[in-house]
């Protein structure tokens, strides 16, 4: 079973540069064209959350450290 995760975008720091959107290998992110941040940008948000593996690429490429990545712990199975 592949890893699962999710992200949180701090809208005070997101400037809609789209680096996270273009570098996500699972097409999890997009800019929210229906909303604006307090600074007037369209923030990144998850559009395909079930595909997120928590790989952290989005947080790594974000120049403003606006993304925090969380990964779910895998359930241990008994043998």
N, C-alpha and C. Protein backbone atom coordinates (compact mmCIF):
# COMPACT_ATOMS: atom_id res chain seq x y z
N UNK A 1 0.85 -1.17 0.00
CA UNK A 1 0.00 0.00 0.00
C UNK A 1 0.90 1.24 0.00
N UNK A 2 0.66 2.18 -0.91
CA UNK A 2 1.49 3.39 -0.94
C UNK A 2 1.22 4.30 0.25
N UNK A 3 2.18 5.11 0.57
CA UNK A 3 2.03 6.06 1.67
C UNK A 3 0.93 7.06 1.35
N UNK A 4 0.33 7.60 2.38
CA UNK A 4 -0.71 8.62 2.22
C UNK A 4 -0.35 9.82 3.06
N UNK A 5 -0.75 10.99 2.61
CA UNK A 5 -0.48 12.20 3.35
C UNK A 5 -1.42 13.31 2.95
N UNK A 6 -1.16 14.48 3.49
CA UNK A 6 -1.91 15.68 3.12
C UNK A 6 -1.03 16.88 3.40
N UNK A 7 -1.44 18.02 2.86
CA UNK A 7 -0.68 19.24 3.06
C UNK A 7 -1.58 20.34 3.61
N UNK A 8 -0.94 21.32 4.20
CA UNK A 8 -1.62 22.56 4.59
C UNK A 8 -0.84 23.70 3.96
N UNK A 9 -1.56 24.63 3.36
CA UNK A 9 -0.95 25.80 2.74
C UNK A 9 -1.25 27.01 3.61
N UNK A 10 -0.21 27.70 4.06
CA UNK A 10 -0.37 28.93 4.82
C UNK A 10 -0.60 30.05 3.81
N UNK A 11 -1.83 30.52 3.74
CA UNK A 11 -2.20 31.51 2.73
C UNK A 11 -1.56 32.87 2.96
N UNK A 12 -1.04 33.12 4.14
CA UNK A 12 -0.35 34.38 4.37
C UNK A 12 0.99 34.42 3.64
N UNK A 13 1.55 33.24 3.34
CA UNK A 13 2.84 33.16 2.66
C UNK A 13 2.74 32.78 1.19
N UNK A 14 1.68 32.10 0.79
CA UNK A 14 1.54 31.64 -0.60
C UNK A 14 1.37 32.82 -1.54
N UNK A 15 2.22 32.87 -2.58
CA UNK A 15 2.13 33.95 -3.56
C UNK A 15 1.77 33.44 -4.95
N UNK A 16 1.19 32.26 -5.03
CA UNK A 16 0.66 31.70 -6.27
C UNK A 16 1.72 31.56 -7.36
N UNK A 17 2.92 31.17 -6.99
CA UNK A 17 4.00 31.01 -7.98
C UNK A 17 3.82 29.76 -8.82
N UNK A 18 3.01 28.81 -8.37
CA UNK A 18 2.68 27.56 -9.04
C UNK A 18 3.81 26.54 -9.10
N UNK A 19 4.90 26.75 -8.39
CA UNK A 19 5.98 25.76 -8.39
C UNK A 19 5.50 24.45 -7.81
N UNK A 20 4.72 24.51 -6.75
CA UNK A 20 4.19 23.28 -6.14
C UNK A 20 3.24 22.56 -7.08
N UNK A 21 2.46 23.32 -7.82
CA UNK A 21 1.49 22.74 -8.75
C UNK A 21 2.21 22.00 -9.88
N UNK A 22 3.21 22.63 -10.46
CA UNK A 22 3.90 22.02 -11.61
C UNK A 22 4.83 20.88 -11.21
N UNK A 23 5.37 20.91 -9.99
CA UNK A 23 6.32 19.88 -9.57
C UNK A 23 5.69 18.68 -8.87
N UNK A 24 4.42 18.75 -8.52
CA UNK A 24 3.77 17.62 -7.85
C UNK A 24 3.64 16.46 -8.83
N UNK A 25 4.25 15.30 -8.52
CA UNK A 25 4.19 14.18 -9.46
C UNK A 25 2.83 13.48 -9.51
N UNK A 26 1.92 13.84 -8.60
CA UNK A 26 0.63 13.16 -8.54
C UNK A 26 -0.55 14.08 -8.86
N UNK A 27 -0.27 15.29 -9.35
CA UNK A 27 -1.32 16.26 -9.71
C UNK A 27 -2.32 16.48 -8.58
N UNK A 28 -1.78 16.70 -7.39
CA UNK A 28 -2.62 16.90 -6.21
C UNK A 28 -3.03 18.36 -6.05
N UNK A 29 -2.21 19.29 -6.53
CA UNK A 29 -2.41 20.71 -6.25
C UNK A 29 -2.86 21.51 -7.47
N UNK A 30 -3.55 22.61 -7.18
CA UNK A 30 -3.93 23.59 -8.19
C UNK A 30 -4.13 24.92 -7.47
N UNK A 31 -4.17 25.99 -8.22
CA UNK A 31 -4.48 27.28 -7.63
C UNK A 31 -5.99 27.42 -7.52
N UNK A 32 -6.45 27.96 -6.42
CA UNK A 32 -7.88 28.15 -6.18
C UNK A 32 -8.28 29.48 -6.81
N UNK A 33 -8.82 29.41 -8.01
CA UNK A 33 -9.16 30.62 -8.76
C UNK A 33 -10.42 31.31 -8.24
N UNK A 34 -11.10 30.69 -7.27
CA UNK A 34 -12.31 31.29 -6.69
C UNK A 34 -12.04 32.10 -5.43
N UNK A 35 -10.79 32.04 -4.94
CA UNK A 35 -10.46 32.73 -3.69
C UNK A 35 -9.21 33.56 -3.86
N UNK A 36 -9.07 34.57 -3.01
CA UNK A 36 -7.87 35.39 -2.95
C UNK A 36 -7.35 35.42 -1.52
N UNK A 37 -6.03 35.44 -1.38
CA UNK A 37 -5.41 35.58 -0.08
C UNK A 37 -5.49 37.05 0.35
N UNK A 38 -5.15 37.36 1.59
CA UNK A 38 -5.14 38.78 2.01
C UNK A 38 -4.20 39.65 1.17
N UNK A 39 -3.21 39.03 0.54
CA UNK A 39 -2.28 39.79 -0.31
C UNK A 39 -2.73 39.84 -1.77
N UNK A 40 -3.85 39.21 -2.09
CA UNK A 40 -4.40 39.27 -3.44
C UNK A 40 -3.98 38.17 -4.39
N UNK A 41 -3.48 37.05 -3.87
CA UNK A 41 -3.07 35.93 -4.71
C UNK A 41 -4.09 34.81 -4.65
N UNK A 42 -4.13 33.98 -5.68
CA UNK A 42 -4.94 32.77 -5.67
C UNK A 42 -4.10 31.68 -5.00
N UNK A 43 -4.52 31.19 -3.83
CA UNK A 43 -3.68 30.24 -3.09
C UNK A 43 -3.71 28.83 -3.69
N UNK A 44 -2.66 28.09 -3.45
CA UNK A 44 -2.63 26.68 -3.83
C UNK A 44 -3.53 25.91 -2.87
N UNK A 45 -4.14 24.85 -3.38
CA UNK A 45 -4.96 23.98 -2.53
C UNK A 45 -4.98 22.58 -3.15
N UNK A 46 -5.42 21.61 -2.36
CA UNK A 46 -5.48 20.23 -2.82
C UNK A 46 -6.75 20.01 -3.64
N UNK A 47 -6.59 19.50 -4.85
CA UNK A 47 -7.74 19.17 -5.68
C UNK A 47 -7.91 17.66 -5.82
N UNK A 48 -6.88 16.91 -5.46
CA UNK A 48 -6.91 15.45 -5.56
C UNK A 48 -6.27 14.87 -4.30
N UNK A 49 -6.88 15.09 -3.13
CA UNK A 49 -6.24 14.70 -1.87
C UNK A 49 -5.98 13.21 -1.72
N UNK A 50 -6.80 12.36 -2.35
CA UNK A 50 -6.59 10.92 -2.20
C UNK A 50 -5.32 10.45 -2.91
N UNK A 51 -4.76 11.26 -3.80
CA UNK A 51 -3.53 10.89 -4.50
C UNK A 51 -2.26 11.34 -3.76
N UNK A 52 -2.41 12.13 -2.72
CA UNK A 52 -1.25 12.67 -2.00
C UNK A 52 -0.55 11.56 -1.22
N UNK A 53 0.77 11.46 -1.42
CA UNK A 53 1.57 10.47 -0.70
C UNK A 53 2.40 11.10 0.42
N UNK A 54 2.33 12.42 0.54
CA UNK A 54 3.13 13.10 1.54
C UNK A 54 4.60 13.11 1.19
N UNK A 55 4.93 13.11 -0.10
CA UNK A 55 6.32 13.01 -0.55
C UNK A 55 7.14 14.24 -0.18
N UNK A 56 6.50 15.40 -0.06
CA UNK A 56 7.20 16.61 0.38
C UNK A 56 7.82 17.43 -0.73
N UNK A 57 7.65 17.04 -1.97
CA UNK A 57 8.23 17.81 -3.07
C UNK A 57 7.66 19.22 -3.10
N UNK A 58 6.38 19.36 -2.88
CA UNK A 58 5.75 20.68 -2.91
C UNK A 58 6.35 21.62 -1.87
N UNK A 59 6.58 21.10 -0.68
CA UNK A 59 7.17 21.92 0.39
C UNK A 59 8.62 22.26 0.09
N UNK A 60 9.32 21.35 -0.56
CA UNK A 60 10.72 21.58 -0.88
C UNK A 60 10.89 22.68 -1.92
N UNK A 61 10.02 22.72 -2.93
CA UNK A 61 10.16 23.71 -3.99
C UNK A 61 9.52 25.05 -3.66
N UNK A 62 8.72 25.12 -2.61
CA UNK A 62 8.05 26.37 -2.25
C UNK A 62 9.07 27.39 -1.75
N UNK A 63 9.24 28.50 -2.46
CA UNK A 63 10.25 29.48 -2.06
C UNK A 63 9.90 30.26 -0.80
N UNK A 64 8.64 30.20 -0.38
CA UNK A 64 8.20 30.96 0.79
C UNK A 64 7.84 30.09 1.99
N UNK A 65 8.14 28.81 1.92
CA UNK A 65 7.86 27.87 3.01
C UNK A 65 6.39 27.95 3.44
N UNK A 66 5.49 28.01 2.46
CA UNK A 66 4.07 28.14 2.75
C UNK A 66 3.37 26.80 2.92
N UNK A 67 4.07 25.70 2.66
CA UNK A 67 3.44 24.39 2.67
C UNK A 67 4.03 23.51 3.77
N UNK A 68 3.13 22.90 4.54
CA UNK A 68 3.51 21.91 5.54
C UNK A 68 2.94 20.58 5.10
N UNK A 69 3.78 19.55 5.11
CA UNK A 69 3.37 18.22 4.65
C UNK A 69 3.22 17.30 5.85
N UNK A 70 2.16 16.52 5.84
CA UNK A 70 1.91 15.53 6.88
C UNK A 70 1.76 14.18 6.22
N UNK A 71 2.29 13.15 6.85
CA UNK A 71 2.17 11.79 6.34
C UNK A 71 1.49 10.94 7.40
N UNK A 72 0.50 10.16 6.97
CA UNK A 72 -0.20 9.26 7.89
C UNK A 72 0.71 8.10 8.25
N UNK A 73 0.61 7.64 9.47
CA UNK A 73 1.34 6.45 9.88
C UNK A 73 0.66 5.22 9.31
N UNK A 74 1.47 4.30 8.86
CA UNK A 74 0.91 3.05 8.35
C UNK A 74 0.46 2.16 9.50
N UNK A 75 -0.63 1.48 9.29
CA UNK A 75 -1.13 0.54 10.29
C UNK A 75 -0.28 -0.72 10.24
N UNK A 76 0.18 -1.16 11.38
CA UNK A 76 0.97 -2.38 11.44
C UNK A 76 0.01 -3.57 11.43
N UNK A 77 0.33 -4.52 10.57
CA UNK A 77 -0.52 -5.72 10.51
C UNK A 77 0.12 -6.82 11.32
N UNK A 78 -0.71 -7.61 11.95
CA UNK A 78 -0.22 -8.72 12.74
C UNK A 78 -0.01 -9.92 11.83
N UNK A 79 1.06 -10.64 12.07
CA UNK A 79 1.37 -11.81 11.22
C UNK A 79 0.61 -13.03 11.70
